[in-house]
Amino acid sequence: MSAQPKATLEKLLQLLGFEATVEEQPLEDGFLLDVKTEDSGRLIGRQGQTFLICNTYNRLLFQQDQSCPR
């Protein structure tokens, strides 16, 4: 099963209770997923120290497609 990074991130944010939009922007060596939310402080965590969602998201993508970069 090939990974769907944007859809996976949107679903993860929804399940975590965030109202957010995700925009995909192409880069030379991949892409950037830009998350926009009014609740960024809660998403990032106190003083930017607990951005746990990145690890969770990367694990979900890798489970869907093991050729995804970690």
Protein backbone atom coordinates (compact mmCIF):
# COMPACT_ATOMS: atom_id res chain seq x y z
CA MET A 1 0.00 0.00 0.00
CA SER A 2 1.52 3.34 -0.96
CA ALA A 3 1.56 6.08 1.64
CA GLN A 4 -0.71 9.09 1.28
CA PRO A 5 1.12 11.63 3.43
CA LYS A 6 -1.33 14.52 3.18
CA ALA A 7 -4.42 12.39 3.82
CA THR A 8 -2.69 10.58 6.69
CA LEU A 9 -1.70 13.84 8.37
CA GLU A 10 -5.18 15.31 7.91
CA LYS A 11 -6.74 12.22 9.50
CA LEU A 12 -4.25 12.21 12.39
CA LEU A 13 -4.92 15.87 13.14
CA GLN A 14 -8.67 15.25 12.98
CA LEU A 15 -8.44 12.30 15.38
CA LEU A 16 -6.40 14.45 17.77
CA GLY A 17 -9.15 17.07 17.73
CA PHE A 18 -7.44 19.77 15.68
CA GLU A 19 -9.24 21.94 13.16
CA ALA A 20 -6.48 22.35 10.60
CA THR A 21 -5.77 22.56 6.91
CA VAL A 22 -2.84 20.83 5.26
CA GLU A 23 -1.27 22.18 2.08
CA GLU A 24 1.19 20.13 0.05
CA GLN A 25 4.03 22.04 -1.59
CA PRO A 26 6.49 20.32 -3.95
CA LEU A 27 10.20 20.54 -3.20
CA GLU A 28 13.19 19.47 -5.27
CA ASP A 29 13.71 16.32 -3.20
CA GLY A 30 10.15 15.61 -2.04
CA PHE A 31 7.42 17.81 -0.65
CA LEU A 32 6.46 19.96 2.31
CA LEU A 33 3.23 19.56 4.25
CA ASP A 34 2.23 22.95 5.65
CA VAL A 35 -0.21 22.70 8.58
CA LYS A 36 -2.35 25.73 9.35
CA THR A 37 -4.36 25.85 12.58
CA GLU A 38 -5.53 28.39 15.12
CA ASP A 39 -4.38 25.94 17.82
CA SER A 40 -0.71 25.77 16.87
CA GLY A 41 0.48 26.20 20.45
CA ARG A 42 -1.24 22.99 21.49
CA LEU A 43 -0.05 21.17 18.39
CA ILE A 44 3.61 22.15 18.82
CA GLY A 45 3.64 21.90 22.60
CA ARG A 46 5.07 24.07 25.31
CA GLN A 47 7.99 26.09 23.97
CA GLY A 48 8.21 23.79 20.93
CA GLN A 49 9.65 20.95 22.99
CA THR A 50 7.02 18.28 22.49
CA PHE A 51 6.27 17.95 18.82
CA LEU A 52 5.30 14.29 19.30
CA ILE A 53 2.98 14.27 16.31
CA CYS A 54 5.99 14.11 13.96
CA ASN A 55 7.14 10.77 15.33
CA THR A 56 3.61 9.35 15.26
CA TYR A 57 3.05 10.58 11.72
CA ASN A 58 6.35 9.18 10.45
CA ARG A 59 5.58 5.78 11.96
CA LEU A 60 2.13 5.72 10.33
CA LEU A 61 3.58 6.55 6.92
CA PHE A 62 6.33 3.94 7.24
CA GLN A 63 3.75 1.29 8.14
CA GLN A 64 1.79 2.15 4.99
CA ASP A 65 4.84 2.20 2.73
CA GLN A 66 8.24 1.03 3.92
CA SER A 67 9.98 2.88 1.09
CA CYS A 68 9.01 6.20 2.72
CA PRO A 69 11.90 8.11 4.25
CA ARG A 70 11.91 8.19 8.03
